[in-house]
Amino acid sequence: MEILSTIGINVEELLDEMREYWKENKASYNFSAFSKLEQSGNNIMFCCPYHEENNPSCGMLTTYPYSWNCFGCGSSGTLGQIVAYVMDLPSELHGIQFILRNYYFINKRIVTGK
C-alpha cells in the first residue's frame, strides 16, 4: 500500500514488538519466530514465523515497500500481511491500519525537512 511510502518505520522495533506478541500468544507453534535479528544491507534478517528454524532465513526491507521474503520456506509478502498474520487480523489492510494506529512512525517530510 502506497500510504507506507509516506512514512518511515523503524522495522527493527516493529519486529521486536511482533516477537513479544508472538511469544505471548503463539510461541507454542514456533518459539524462535522473529528472533535473532541481524542487519544485512537494506534488510533485517530474522527467524521466520512460518516454519521452525534456528538461523534467520527471513529478510525484511528496512525501507519502503517493507516487503519480506523467507529464503528457507519461500514465504513472502508485505508488511501489512505479516502484521495481520501475527496479530490475527483479517487482512493486509487491517495490518496496515494496525501499524498506522498503534505504531510510532515519522513523516518523511519532518525527517528530511522538506
PDB file of N, CA and C in Angstrom:
ATOM      1  N   MET A   1       0.841  -1.175   0.000  1.00  0.00           N
ATOM      2  CA  MET A   1       0.000   0.000   0.000  1.00  0.00           C
ATOM      3  C   MET A   1       0.888   1.240   0.000  1.00  0.00           C
ATOM      4  N   GLU A   2       0.525   2.177  -0.846  1.00  0.00           N
ATOM      5  CA  GLU A   2       1.364   3.349  -1.020  1.00  0.00           C
ATOM      6  C   GLU A   2       1.406   4.269   0.187  1.00  0.00           C
ATOM      7  N   ILE A   3       0.449   4.192   1.079  1.00  0.00           N
ATOM      8  CA  ILE A   3       0.490   5.068   2.253  1.00  0.00           C
ATOM      9  C   ILE A   3       1.768   4.838   3.057  1.00  0.00           C
ATOM     10  N   LEU A   4       2.295   3.624   3.027  1.00  0.00           N
ATOM     11  CA  LEU A   4       3.529   3.339   3.755  1.00  0.00           C
ATOM     12  C   LEU A   4       4.737   4.016   3.126  1.00  0.00           C
ATOM     13  N   SER A   5       4.603   4.470   1.867  1.00  0.00           N
ATOM     14  CA  SER A   5       5.724   5.171   1.227  1.00  0.00           C
ATOM     15  C   SER A   5       5.908   6.572   1.795  1.00  0.00           C
ATOM     16  N   THR A   6       4.914   7.085   2.519  1.00  0.00           N
ATOM     17  CA  THR A   6       4.986   8.447   3.051  1.00  0.00           C
ATOM     18  C   THR A   6       5.471   8.489   4.489  1.00  0.00           C
ATOM     19  N   ILE A   7       5.717   7.326   5.068  1.00  0.00           N
ATOM     20  CA  ILE A   7       6.162   7.291   6.459  1.00  0.00           C
ATOM     21  C   ILE A   7       7.447   6.490   6.587  1.00  0.00           C
ATOM     22  N   GLY A   8       8.174   6.743   7.627  1.00  0.00           N
ATOM     23  CA  GLY A   8       9.356   5.959   7.940  1.00  0.00           C
ATOM     24  C   GLY A   8       9.040   5.051   9.109  1.00  0.00           C
ATOM     25  N   ILE A   9       9.323   3.782   8.981  1.00  0.00           N
ATOM     26  CA  ILE A   9       9.020   2.817  10.022  1.00  0.00           C
ATOM     27  C   ILE A   9      10.323   2.230  10.539  1.00  0.00           C
ATOM     28  N   ASN A  10      10.460   2.159  11.830  1.00  0.00           N
ATOM     29  CA  ASN A  10      11.600   1.500  12.432  1.00  0.00           C
ATOM     30  C   ASN A  10      11.304   0.000  12.419  1.00  0.00           C
ATOM     31  N   VAL A  11      11.763  -0.680  11.376  1.00  0.00           N
ATOM     32  CA  VAL A  11      11.443  -2.087  11.163  1.00  0.00           C
ATOM     33  C   VAL A  11      11.963  -2.956  12.303  1.00  0.00           C
ATOM     34  N   GLU A  12      13.146  -2.657  12.790  1.00  0.00           N
ATOM     35  CA  GLU A  12      13.707  -3.465  13.882  1.00  0.00           C
ATOM     36  C   GLU A  12      12.822  -3.390  15.122  1.00  0.00           C
ATOM     37  N   GLU A  13      12.351  -2.207  15.440  1.00  0.00           N
ATOM     38  CA  GLU A  13      11.469  -2.044  16.598  1.00  0.00           C
ATOM     39  C   GLU A  13      10.145  -2.766  16.381  1.00  0.00           C
ATOM     40  N   LEU A  14       9.600  -2.681  15.182  1.00  0.00           N
ATOM     41  CA  LEU A  14       8.345  -3.366  14.881  1.00  0.00           C
ATOM     42  C   LEU A  14       8.524  -4.883  14.980  1.00  0.00           C
ATOM     43  N   LEU A  15       9.652  -5.410  14.464  1.00  0.00           N
ATOM     44  CA  LEU A  15       9.915  -6.849  14.576  1.00  0.00           C
ATOM     45  C   LEU A  15      10.058  -7.266  16.034  1.00  0.00           C
ATOM     46  N   ASP A  16      10.687  -6.423  16.855  1.00  0.00           N
ATOM     47  CA  ASP A  16      10.786  -6.709  18.294  1.00  0.00           C
ATOM     48  C   ASP A  16       9.400  -6.798  18.928  1.00  0.00           C
ATOM     49  N   GLU A  17       8.525  -5.865  18.567  1.00  0.00           N
ATOM     50  CA  GLU A  17       7.170  -5.867  19.114  1.00  0.00           C
ATOM     51  C   GLU A  17       6.394  -7.086  18.646  1.00  0.00           C
ATOM     52  N   MET A  18       6.580  -7.483  17.374  1.00  0.00           N
ATOM     53  CA  MET A  18       5.901  -8.683  16.874  1.00  0.00           C
ATOM     54  C   MET A  18       6.421  -9.922  17.595  1.00  0.00           C
ATOM     55  N   ARG A  19       7.740  -9.968  17.884  1.00  0.00           N
ATOM     56  CA  ARG A  19       8.304 -11.107  18.609  1.00  0.00           C
ATOM     57  C   ARG A  19       7.672 -11.207  20.001  1.00  0.00           C
ATOM     58  N   GLU A  20       7.530 -10.076  20.688  1.00  0.00           N
ATOM     59  CA  GLU A  20       6.921 -10.092  22.015  1.00  0.00           C
ATOM     60  C   GLU A  20       5.477 -10.580  21.953  1.00  0.00           C
ATOM     61  N   TYR A  21       4.709 -10.093  20.996  1.00  0.00           N
ATOM     62  CA  TYR A  21       3.324 -10.539  20.834  1.00  0.00           C
ATOM     63  C   TYR A  21       3.291 -12.030  20.525  1.00  0.00           C
ATOM     64  N   TRP A  22       4.194 -12.453  19.637  1.00  0.00           N
ATOM     65  CA  TRP A  22       4.266 -13.864  19.235  1.00  0.00           C
ATOM     66  C   TRP A  22       4.557 -14.745  20.461  1.00  0.00           C
ATOM     67  N   LYS A  23       5.533 -14.339  21.267  1.00  0.00           N
ATOM     68  CA  LYS A  23       5.914 -15.133  22.439  1.00  0.00           C
ATOM     69  C   LYS A  23       4.740 -15.267  23.412  1.00  0.00           C
ATOM     70  N   GLU A  24       3.948 -14.233  23.546  1.00  0.00           N
ATOM     71  CA  GLU A  24       2.816 -14.252  24.470  1.00  0.00           C
ATOM     72  C   GLU A  24       1.631 -15.032  23.931  1.00  0.00           C
ATOM     73  N   ASN A  25       1.487 -15.118  22.599  1.00  0.00           N
ATOM     74  CA  ASN A  25       0.265 -15.664  22.021  1.00  0.00           C
ATOM     75  C   ASN A  25       0.436 -16.887  21.116  1.00  0.00           C
ATOM     76  N   LYS A  26       1.617 -17.074  20.538  1.00  0.00           N
ATOM     77  CA  LYS A  26       1.763 -18.140  19.547  1.00  0.00           C
ATOM     78  C   LYS A  26       3.046 -18.950  19.691  1.00  0.00           C
ATOM     79  N   ALA A  27       3.798 -18.747  20.732  1.00  0.00           N
ATOM     80  CA  ALA A  27       5.122 -19.361  20.858  1.00  0.00           C
ATOM     81  C   ALA A  27       5.089 -20.882  20.878  1.00  0.00           C
ATOM     82  N   SER A  28       3.973 -21.464  21.227  1.00  0.00           N
ATOM     83  CA  SER A  28       3.920 -22.922  21.252  1.00  0.00           C
ATOM     84  C   SER A  28       4.096 -23.511  19.851  1.00  0.00           C
ATOM     85  N   TYR A  29       3.775 -22.735  18.828  1.00  0.00           N
ATOM     86  CA  TYR A  29       3.939 -23.190  17.449  1.00  0.00           C
ATOM     87  C   TYR A  29       5.386 -23.064  16.979  1.00  0.00           C
ATOM     88  N   ASN A  30       5.996 -21.929  17.217  1.00  0.00           N
ATOM     89  CA  ASN A  30       7.329 -21.666  16.674  1.00  0.00           C
ATOM     90  C   ASN A  30       8.004 -20.635  17.575  1.00  0.00           C
ATOM     91  N   PHE A  31       8.710 -21.101  18.578  1.00  0.00           N
ATOM     92  CA  PHE A  31       9.264 -20.213  19.585  1.00  0.00           C
ATOM     93  C   PHE A  31      10.295 -19.226  19.037  1.00  0.00           C
ATOM     94  N   SER A  32      11.034 -19.592  18.005  1.00  0.00           N
ATOM     95  CA  SER A  32      12.117 -18.732  17.514  1.00  0.00           C
ATOM     96  C   SER A  32      11.663 -17.623  16.562  1.00  0.00           C
ATOM     97  N   ALA A  33      10.380 -17.590  16.203  1.00  0.00           N
ATOM     98  CA  ALA A  33       9.889 -16.594  15.244  1.00  0.00           C
ATOM     99  C   ALA A  33      10.270 -15.179  15.665  1.00  0.00           C
ATOM    100  N   PHE A  34      10.756 -14.407  14.716  1.00  0.00           N
ATOM    101  CA  PHE A  34      11.141 -13.003  14.879  1.00  0.00           C
ATOM    102  C   PHE A  34      12.348 -12.803  15.796  1.00  0.00           C
ATOM    103  N   SER A  35      13.087 -13.850  16.071  1.00  0.00           N
ATOM    104  CA  SER A  35      14.267 -13.708  16.919  1.00  0.00           C
ATOM    105  C   SER A  35      15.531 -13.631  16.072  1.00  0.00           C
ATOM    106  N   LYS A  36      16.636 -13.377  16.731  1.00  0.00           N
ATOM    107  CA  LYS A  36      17.967 -13.326  16.127  1.00  0.00           C
ATOM    108  C   LYS A  36      18.060 -12.294  15.003  1.00  0.00           C
ATOM    109  N   LEU A  37      17.613 -11.076  15.282  1.00  0.00           N
ATOM    110  CA  LEU A  37      17.646 -10.002  14.284  1.00  0.00           C
ATOM    111  C   LEU A  37      19.082  -9.688  13.887  1.00  0.00           C
ATOM    112  N   GLU A  38      19.305  -9.580  12.595  1.00  0.00           N
ATOM    113  CA  GLU A  38      20.621  -9.242  12.056  1.00  0.00           C
ATOM    114  C   GLU A  38      20.455  -8.266  10.909  1.00  0.00           C
ATOM    115  N   GLN A  39      21.174  -7.164  10.946  1.00  0.00           N
ATOM    116  CA  GLN A  39      21.169  -6.202   9.839  1.00  0.00           C
ATOM    117  C   GLN A  39      21.969  -6.787   8.680  1.00  0.00           C
ATOM    118  N   SER A  40      21.436  -6.709   7.474  1.00  0.00           N
ATOM    119  CA  SER A  40      22.118  -7.198   6.282  1.00  0.00           C
ATOM    120  C   SER A  40      21.806  -6.248   5.136  1.00  0.00           C
ATOM    121  N   GLY A  41      22.614  -5.211   4.979  1.00  0.00           N
ATOM    122  CA  GLY A  41      22.344  -4.203   3.957  1.00  0.00           C
ATOM    123  C   GLY A  41      21.051  -3.477   4.255  1.00  0.00           C
ATOM    124  N   ASN A  42      20.124  -3.457   3.282  1.00  0.00           N
ATOM    125  CA  ASN A  42      18.821  -2.816   3.458  1.00  0.00           C
ATOM    126  C   ASN A  42      17.789  -3.749   4.074  1.00  0.00           C
ATOM    127  N   ASN A  43      18.228  -4.892   4.571  1.00  0.00           N
ATOM    128  CA  ASN A  43      17.320  -5.877   5.149  1.00  0.00           C
ATOM    129  C   ASN A  43      17.650  -6.118   6.611  1.00  0.00           C
ATOM    130  N   ILE A  44      16.640  -6.554   7.318  1.00  0.00           N
ATOM    131  CA  ILE A  44      16.845  -7.121   8.639  1.00  0.00           C
ATOM    132  C   ILE A  44      16.442  -8.585   8.517  1.00  0.00           C
ATOM    133  N   MET A  45      17.352  -9.448   8.887  1.00  0.00           N
ATOM    134  CA  MET A  45      17.100 -10.880   8.859  1.00  0.00           C
ATOM    135  C   MET A  45      16.568 -11.307  10.220  1.00  0.00           C
ATOM    136  N   PHE A  46      15.670 -12.299  10.212  1.00  0.00           N
ATOM    137  CA  PHE A  46      15.090 -12.822  11.441  1.00  0.00           C
ATOM    138  C   PHE A  46      14.581 -14.232  11.187  1.00  0.00           C
ATOM    139  N   CYS A  47      14.276 -14.945  12.259  1.00  0.00           N
ATOM    140  CA  CYS A  47      13.725 -16.289  12.121  1.00  0.00           C
ATOM    141  C   CYS A  47      12.271 -16.194  11.670  1.00  0.00           C
ATOM    142  N   CYS A  48      11.942 -16.968  10.677  1.00  0.00           N
ATOM    143  CA  CYS A  48      10.633 -16.931  10.023  1.00  0.00           C
ATOM    144  C   CYS A  48       9.510 -17.433  10.943  1.00  0.00           C
ATOM    145  N   PRO A  49       8.356 -16.762  10.917  1.00  0.00           N
ATOM    146  CA  PRO A  49       7.226 -17.240  11.712  1.00  0.00           C
ATOM    147  C   PRO A  49       6.470 -18.400  11.059  1.00  0.00           C
ATOM    148  N   TYR A  50       6.768 -18.684   9.784  1.00  0.00           N
ATOM    149  CA  TYR A  50       6.025 -19.709   9.061  1.00  0.00           C
ATOM    150  C   TYR A  50       6.633 -21.100   9.168  1.00  0.00           C
ATOM    151  N   HIS A  51       7.846 -21.203   9.700  1.00  0.00           N
ATOM    152  CA  HIS A  51       8.442 -22.519   9.918  1.00  0.00           C
ATOM    153  C   HIS A  51       9.462 -22.418  11.036  1.00  0.00           C
ATOM    154  N   GLU A  52       9.737 -23.530  11.677  1.00  0.00           N
ATOM    155  CA  GLU A  52      10.712 -23.533  12.767  1.00  0.00           C
ATOM    156  C   GLU A  52      12.124 -23.521  12.198  1.00  0.00           C
ATOM    157  N   GLU A  53      12.970 -22.715  12.797  1.00  0.00           N
ATOM    158  CA  GLU A  53      14.369 -22.636  12.384  1.00  0.00           C
ATOM    159  C   GLU A  53      15.191 -22.033  13.505  1.00  0.00           C
ATOM    160  N   ASN A  54      16.491 -22.242  13.438  1.00  0.00           N
ATOM    161  CA  ASN A  54      17.402 -21.690  14.435  1.00  0.00           C
ATOM    162  C   ASN A  54      18.272 -20.579  13.885  1.00  0.00           C
ATOM    163  N   ASN A  55      18.386 -20.484  12.568  1.00  0.00           N
ATOM    164  CA  ASN A  55      19.177 -19.432  11.925  1.00  0.00           C
ATOM    165  C   ASN A  55      18.255 -18.567  11.078  1.00  0.00           C
ATOM    166  N   PRO A  56      18.374 -17.251  11.177  1.00  0.00           N
ATOM    167  CA  PRO A  56      17.494 -16.353  10.423  1.00  0.00           C
ATOM    168  C   PRO A  56      17.584 -16.573   8.914  1.00  0.00           C
ATOM    169  N   SER A  57      16.452 -16.881   8.310  1.00  0.00           N
ATOM    170  CA  SER A  57      16.409 -17.042   6.855  1.00  0.00           C
ATOM    171  C   SER A  57      15.390 -16.103   6.220  1.00  0.00           C
ATOM    172  N   CYS A  58      14.748 -15.293   7.030  1.00  0.00           N
ATOM    173  CA  CYS A  58      13.707 -14.393   6.555  1.00  0.00           C
ATOM    174  C   CYS A  58      14.240 -12.965   6.614  1.00  0.00           C
ATOM    175  N   GLY A  59      14.066 -12.214   5.539  1.00  0.00           N
ATOM    176  CA  GLY A  59      14.550 -10.850   5.494  1.00  0.00           C
ATOM    177  C   GLY A  59      13.452  -9.864   5.144  1.00  0.00           C
ATOM    178  N   MET A  60      13.494  -8.700   5.787  1.00  0.00           N
ATOM    179  CA  MET A  60      12.531  -7.636   5.504  1.00  0.00           C
ATOM    180  C   MET A  60      13.286  -6.370   5.144  1.00  0.00           C
ATOM    181  N   LEU A  61      12.837  -5.708   4.085  1.00  0.00           N
ATOM    182  CA  LEU A  61      13.418  -4.424   3.703  1.00  0.00           C
ATOM    183  C   LEU A  61      13.169  -3.400   4.800  1.00  0.00           C
ATOM    184  N   THR A  62      14.171  -2.595   5.098  1.00  0.00           N
ATOM    185  CA  THR A  62      14.020  -1.571   6.132  1.00  0.00           C
ATOM    186  C   THR A  62      13.490  -0.257   5.561  1.00  0.00           C
ATOM    187  N   THR A  63      13.234  -0.226   4.268  1.00  0.00           N
ATOM    188  CA  THR A  63      12.660   0.936   3.598  1.00  0.00           C
ATOM    189  C   THR A  63      11.459   0.485   2.764  1.00  0.00           C
ATOM    190  N   TYR A  64      10.667   1.450   2.346  1.00  0.00           N
ATOM    191  CA  TYR A  64       9.504   1.140   1.519  1.00  0.00           C
ATOM    192  C   TYR A  64       9.942   0.338   0.301  1.00  0.00           C
ATOM    193  N   PRO A  65       9.275  -0.741  -0.066  1.00  0.00           N
ATOM    194  CA  PRO A  65       7.922  -1.152   0.315  1.00  0.00           C
ATOM    195  C   PRO A  65       7.828  -2.079   1.523  1.00  0.00           C
ATOM    196  N   TYR A  66       8.894  -2.223   2.298  1.00  0.00           N
ATOM    197  CA  TYR A  66       8.896  -3.044   3.509  1.00  0.00           C
ATOM    198  C   TYR A  66       8.463  -4.486   3.236  1.00  0.00           C
ATOM    199  N   SER A  67       8.831  -5.002   2.085  1.00  0.00           N
ATOM    200  CA  SER A  67       8.479  -6.380   1.749  1.00  0.00           C
ATOM    201  C   SER A  67       9.407  -7.340   2.485  1.00  0.00           C
ATOM    202  N   TRP A  68       9.005  -8.596   2.569  1.00  0.00           N
ATOM    203  CA  TRP A  68       9.801  -9.608   3.254  1.00  0.00           C
ATOM    204  C   TRP A  68       9.772 -10.900   2.456  1.00  0.00           C
ATOM    205  N   ASN A  69      10.801 -11.707   2.673  1.00  0.00           N
ATOM    206  CA  ASN A  69      10.932 -12.973   1.965  1.00  0.00           C
ATOM    207  C   ASN A  69      11.707 -13.948   2.833  1.00  0.00           C
ATOM    208  N   CYS A  70      11.234 -15.180   2.899  1.00  0.00           N
ATOM    209  CA  CYS A  70      11.962 -16.217   3.615  1.00  0.00           C
ATOM    210  C   CYS A  70      12.680 -17.090   2.593  1.00  0.00           C
ATOM    211  N   PHE A  71      13.991 -17.174   2.733  1.00  0.00           N
ATOM    212  CA  PHE A  71      14.782 -17.980   1.827  1.00  0.00           C
ATOM    213  C   PHE A  71      14.741 -19.457   2.209  1.00  0.00           C
ATOM    214  N   GLY A  72      14.186 -19.758   3.396  1.00  0.00           N
ATOM    215  CA  GLY A  72      14.077 -21.137   3.851  1.00  0.00           C
ATOM    216  C   GLY A  72      12.830 -21.839   3.322  1.00  0.00           C
ATOM    217  N   CYS A  73      11.663 -21.202   3.506  1.00  0.00           N
ATOM    218  CA  CYS A  73      10.406 -21.854   3.116  1.00  0.00           C
ATOM    219  C   CYS A  73       9.748 -21.217   1.896  1.00  0.00           C
ATOM    220  N   GLY A  74      10.248 -20.058   1.469  1.00  0.00           N
ATOM    221  CA  GLY A  74       9.698 -19.401   0.291  1.00  0.00           C
ATOM    222  C   GLY A  74       8.532 -18.468   0.566  1.00  0.00           C
ATOM    223  N   SER A  75       8.118 -18.333   1.816  1.00  0.00           N
ATOM    224  CA  SER A  75       7.038 -17.394   2.142  1.00  0.00           C
ATOM    225  C   SER A  75       7.514 -15.972   1.876  1.00  0.00           C
ATOM    226  N   SER A  76       6.585 -15.117   1.467  1.00  0.00           N
ATOM    227  CA  SER A  76       6.925 -13.716   1.210  1.00  0.00           C
ATOM    228  C   SER A  76       5.652 -12.889   1.275  1.00  0.00           C
ATOM    229  N   GLY A  77       5.834 -11.579   1.344  1.00  0.00           N
ATOM    230  CA  GLY A  77       4.666 -10.716   1.351  1.00  0.00           C
ATOM    231  C   GLY A  77       5.005  -9.300   1.733  1.00  0.00           C
ATOM    232  N   THR A  78       3.985  -8.602   2.171  1.00  0.00           N
ATOM    233  CA  THR A  78       4.113  -7.203   2.541  1.00  0.00           C
ATOM    234  C   THR A  78       4.117  -7.061   4.060  1.00  0.00           C
ATOM    235  N   LEU A  79       4.495  -5.906   4.521  1.00  0.00           N
ATOM    236  CA  LEU A  79       4.487  -5.620   5.948  1.00  0.00           C
ATOM    237  C   LEU A  79       3.074  -5.757   6.516  1.00  0.00           C
ATOM    238  N   GLY A  80       2.099  -5.234   5.797  1.00  0.00           N
ATOM    239  CA  GLY A  80       0.709  -5.345   6.251  1.00  0.00           C
ATOM    240  C   GLY A  80       0.255  -6.787   6.378  1.00  0.00           C
ATOM    241  N   GLN A  81       0.694  -7.641   5.477  1.00  0.00           N
ATOM    242  CA  GLN A  81       0.310  -9.053   5.523  1.00  0.00           C
ATOM    243  C   GLN A  81       0.909  -9.761   6.736  1.00  0.00           C
ATOM    244  N   ILE A  82       2.195  -9.524   7.008  1.00  0.00           N
ATOM    245  CA  ILE A  82       2.817 -10.226   8.125  1.00  0.00           C
ATOM    246  C   ILE A  82       2.304  -9.704   9.459  1.00  0.00           C
ATOM    247  N   VAL A  83       2.011  -8.410   9.554  1.00  0.00           N
ATOM    248  CA  VAL A  83       1.422  -7.865  10.779  1.00  0.00           C
ATOM    249  C   VAL A  83       0.031  -8.474  10.985  1.00  0.00           C
ATOM    250  N   ALA A  84      -0.758  -8.573   9.922  1.00  0.00           N
ATOM    251  CA  ALA A  84      -2.087  -9.185  10.027  1.00  0.00           C
ATOM    252  C   ALA A  84      -1.985 -10.642  10.481  1.00  0.00           C
ATOM    253  N   TYR A  85      -1.008 -11.367   9.947  1.00  0.00           N
ATOM    254  CA  TYR A  85      -0.816 -12.764  10.336  1.00  0.00           C
ATOM    255  C   TYR A  85      -0.464 -12.883  11.822  1.00  0.00           C
ATOM    256  N   VAL A  86       0.478 -12.091  12.259  1.00  0.00           N
ATOM    257  CA  VAL A  86       0.932 -12.166  13.650  1.00  0.00           C
ATOM    258  C   VAL A  86      -0.166 -11.739  14.610  1.00  0.00           C
ATOM    259  N   MET A  87      -0.859 -10.659  14.300  1.00  0.00           N
ATOM    260  CA  MET A  87      -1.854 -10.092  15.208  1.00  0.00           C
ATOM    261  C   MET A  87      -3.245 -10.701  15.025  1.00  0.00           C
ATOM    262  N   ASP A  88      -3.356 -11.724  14.168  1.00  0.00           N
ATOM    263  CA  ASP A  88      -4.638 -12.393  13.898  1.00  0.00           C
ATOM    264  C   ASP A  88      -5.699 -11.417  13.379  1.00  0.00           C
ATOM    265  N   LEU A  89      -5.288 -10.571  12.453  1.00  0.00           N
ATOM    266  CA  LEU A  89      -6.197  -9.620  11.819  1.00  0.00           C
ATOM    267  C   LEU A  89      -6.687 -10.219  10.498  1.00  0.00           C
ATOM    268  N   PRO A  90      -7.863  -9.823  10.006  1.00  0.00           N
ATOM    269  CA  PRO A  90      -8.436 -10.487   8.843  1.00  0.00           C
ATOM    270  C   PRO A  90      -7.793 -10.191   7.483  1.00  0.00           C
ATOM    271  N   SER A  91      -7.020  -9.104   7.356  1.00  0.00           N
ATOM    272  CA  SER A  91      -6.485  -8.787   6.028  1.00  0.00           C
ATOM    273  C   SER A  91      -5.261  -7.875   6.117  1.00  0.00           C
ATOM    274  N   GLU A  92      -4.599  -7.722   4.978  1.00  0.00           N
ATOM    275  CA  GLU A  92      -3.452  -6.814   4.875  1.00  0.00           C
ATOM    276  C   GLU A  92      -3.853  -5.390   5.250  1.00  0.00           C
ATOM    277  N   LEU A  93      -5.014  -4.961   4.787  1.00  0.00           N
ATOM    278  CA  LEU A  93      -5.485  -3.613   5.113  1.00  0.00           C
ATOM    279  C   LEU A  93      -5.602  -3.423   6.625  1.00  0.00           C
ATOM    280  N   HIS A  94      -6.099  -4.425   7.320  1.00  0.00           N
ATOM    281  CA  HIS A  94      -6.183  -4.343   8.777  1.00  0.00           C
ATOM    282  C   HIS A  94      -4.791  -4.285   9.400  1.00  0.00           C
ATOM    283  N   GLY A  95      -3.826  -4.987   8.805  1.00  0.00           N
ATOM    284  CA  GLY A  95      -2.452  -4.918   9.277  1.00  0.00           C
ATOM    285  C   GLY A  95      -1.882  -3.518   9.137  1.00  0.00           C
ATOM    286  N   ILE A  96      -2.146  -2.877   8.007  1.00  0.00           N
ATOM    287  CA  ILE A  96      -1.677  -1.504   7.789  1.00  0.00           C
ATOM    288  C   ILE A  96      -2.375  -0.546   8.745  1.00  0.00           C
ATOM    289  N   GLN A  97      -3.667  -0.731   8.941  1.00  0.00           N
ATOM    290  CA  GLN A  97      -4.383   0.113   9.899  1.00  0.00           C
ATOM    291  C   GLN A  97      -3.808  -0.048  11.298  1.00  0.00           C
ATOM    292  N   PHE A  98      -3.450  -1.277  11.663  1.00  0.00           N
ATOM    293  CA  PHE A  98      -2.835  -1.518  12.960  1.00  0.00           C
ATOM    294  C   PHE A  98      -1.532  -0.730  13.083  1.00  0.00           C
ATOM    295  N   ILE A  99      -0.710  -0.759  12.038  1.00  0.00           N
ATOM    296  CA  ILE A  99       0.562  -0.021  12.048  1.00  0.00           C
ATOM    297  C   ILE A  99       0.299   1.472  12.203  1.00  0.00           C
ATOM    298  N   LEU A 100      -0.629   2.002  11.427  1.00  0.00           N
ATOM    299  CA  LEU A 100      -0.899   3.433  11.459  1.00  0.00           C
ATOM    300  C   LEU A 100      -1.494   3.885  12.789  1.00  0.00           C
ATOM    301  N   ARG A 101      -2.297   3.034  13.422  1.00  0.00           N
ATOM    302  CA  ARG A 101      -2.920   3.398  14.691  1.00  0.00           C
ATOM    303  C   ARG A 101      -2.015   3.197  15.896  1.00  0.00           C
ATOM    304  N   ASN A 102      -1.227   2.148  15.862  1.00  0.00           N
ATOM    305  CA  ASN A 102      -0.520   1.725  17.064  1.00  0.00           C
ATOM    306  C   ASN A 102       0.985   1.829  17.009  1.00  0.00           C
ATOM    307  N   TYR A 103       1.507   2.127  15.873  1.00  0.00           N
ATOM    308  CA  TYR A 103       2.954   2.116  15.749  1.00  0.00           C
ATOM    309  C   TYR A 103       3.469   3.529  15.604  1.00  0.00           C
ATOM    310  N   TYR A 104       4.606   3.781  16.194  1.00  0.00           N
ATOM    311  CA  TYR A 104       5.207   5.101  16.076  1.00  0.00           C
ATOM    312  C   TYR A 104       5.874   5.211  14.718  1.00  0.00           C
ATOM    313  N   PHE A 105       5.526   6.226  13.987  1.00  0.00           N
ATOM    314  CA  PHE A 105       6.158   6.436  12.695  1.00  0.00           C
ATOM    315  C   PHE A 105       6.511   7.902  12.548  1.00  0.00           C
ATOM    316  N   ILE A 106       7.407   8.179  11.627  1.00  0.00           N
ATOM    317  CA  ILE A 106       7.882   9.530  11.399  1.00  0.00           C
ATOM    318  C   ILE A 106       7.588   9.914   9.966  1.00  0.00           C
ATOM    319  N   ASN A 107       6.915  11.006   9.771  1.00  0.00           N
ATOM    320  CA  ASN A 107       6.642  11.500   8.431  1.00  0.00           C
ATOM    321  C   ASN A 107       7.958  11.903   7.774  1.00  0.00           C
ATOM    322  N   LYS A 108       8.211  11.439   6.570  1.00  0.00           N
ATOM    323  CA  LYS A 108       9.474  11.734   5.889  1.00  0.00           C
ATOM    324  C   LYS A 108       9.712  13.231   5.710  1.00  0.00           C
ATOM    325  N   ARG A 109       8.644  14.003   5.577  1.00  0.00           N
ATOM    326  CA  ARG A 109       8.810  15.452   5.418  1.00  0.00           C
ATOM    327  C   ARG A 109       9.483  16.054   6.652  1.00  0.00           C
ATOM    328  N   ILE A 110       9.128  15.547   7.795  1.00  0.00           N
ATOM    329  CA  ILE A 110       9.730  16.042   9.042  1.00  0.00           C
ATOM    330  C   ILE A 110      11.198  15.626   9.115  1.00  0.00           C
ATOM    331  N   VAL A 111      11.471  14.384   8.764  1.00  0.00           N
ATOM    332  CA  VAL A 111      12.821  13.859   8.855  1.00  0.00           C
ATOM    333  C   VAL A 111      13.754  14.586   7.896  1.00  0.00           C
ATOM    334  N   THR A 112      13.319  14.823   6.658  1.00  0.00           N
ATOM    335  CA  THR A 112      14.178  15.430   5.655  1.00  0.00           C
ATOM    336  C   THR A 112      14.106  16.944   5.658  1.00  0.00           C
ATOM    337  N   GLY A 113      13.129  17.523   6.349  1.00  0.00           N
ATOM    338  CA  GLY A 113      12.975  18.967   6.393  1.00  0.00           C
ATOM    339  C   GLY A 113      12.303  19.547   5.163  1.00  0.00           C
ATOM    340  N   LYS A 114      11.714  18.699   4.319  1.00  0.00           N
ATOM    341  CA  LYS A 114      11.029  19.196   3.115  1.00  0.00           C
ATOM    342  C   LYS A 114       9.602  19.564   3.413  1.00  0.00           C
TER     343      LYS A 114
END
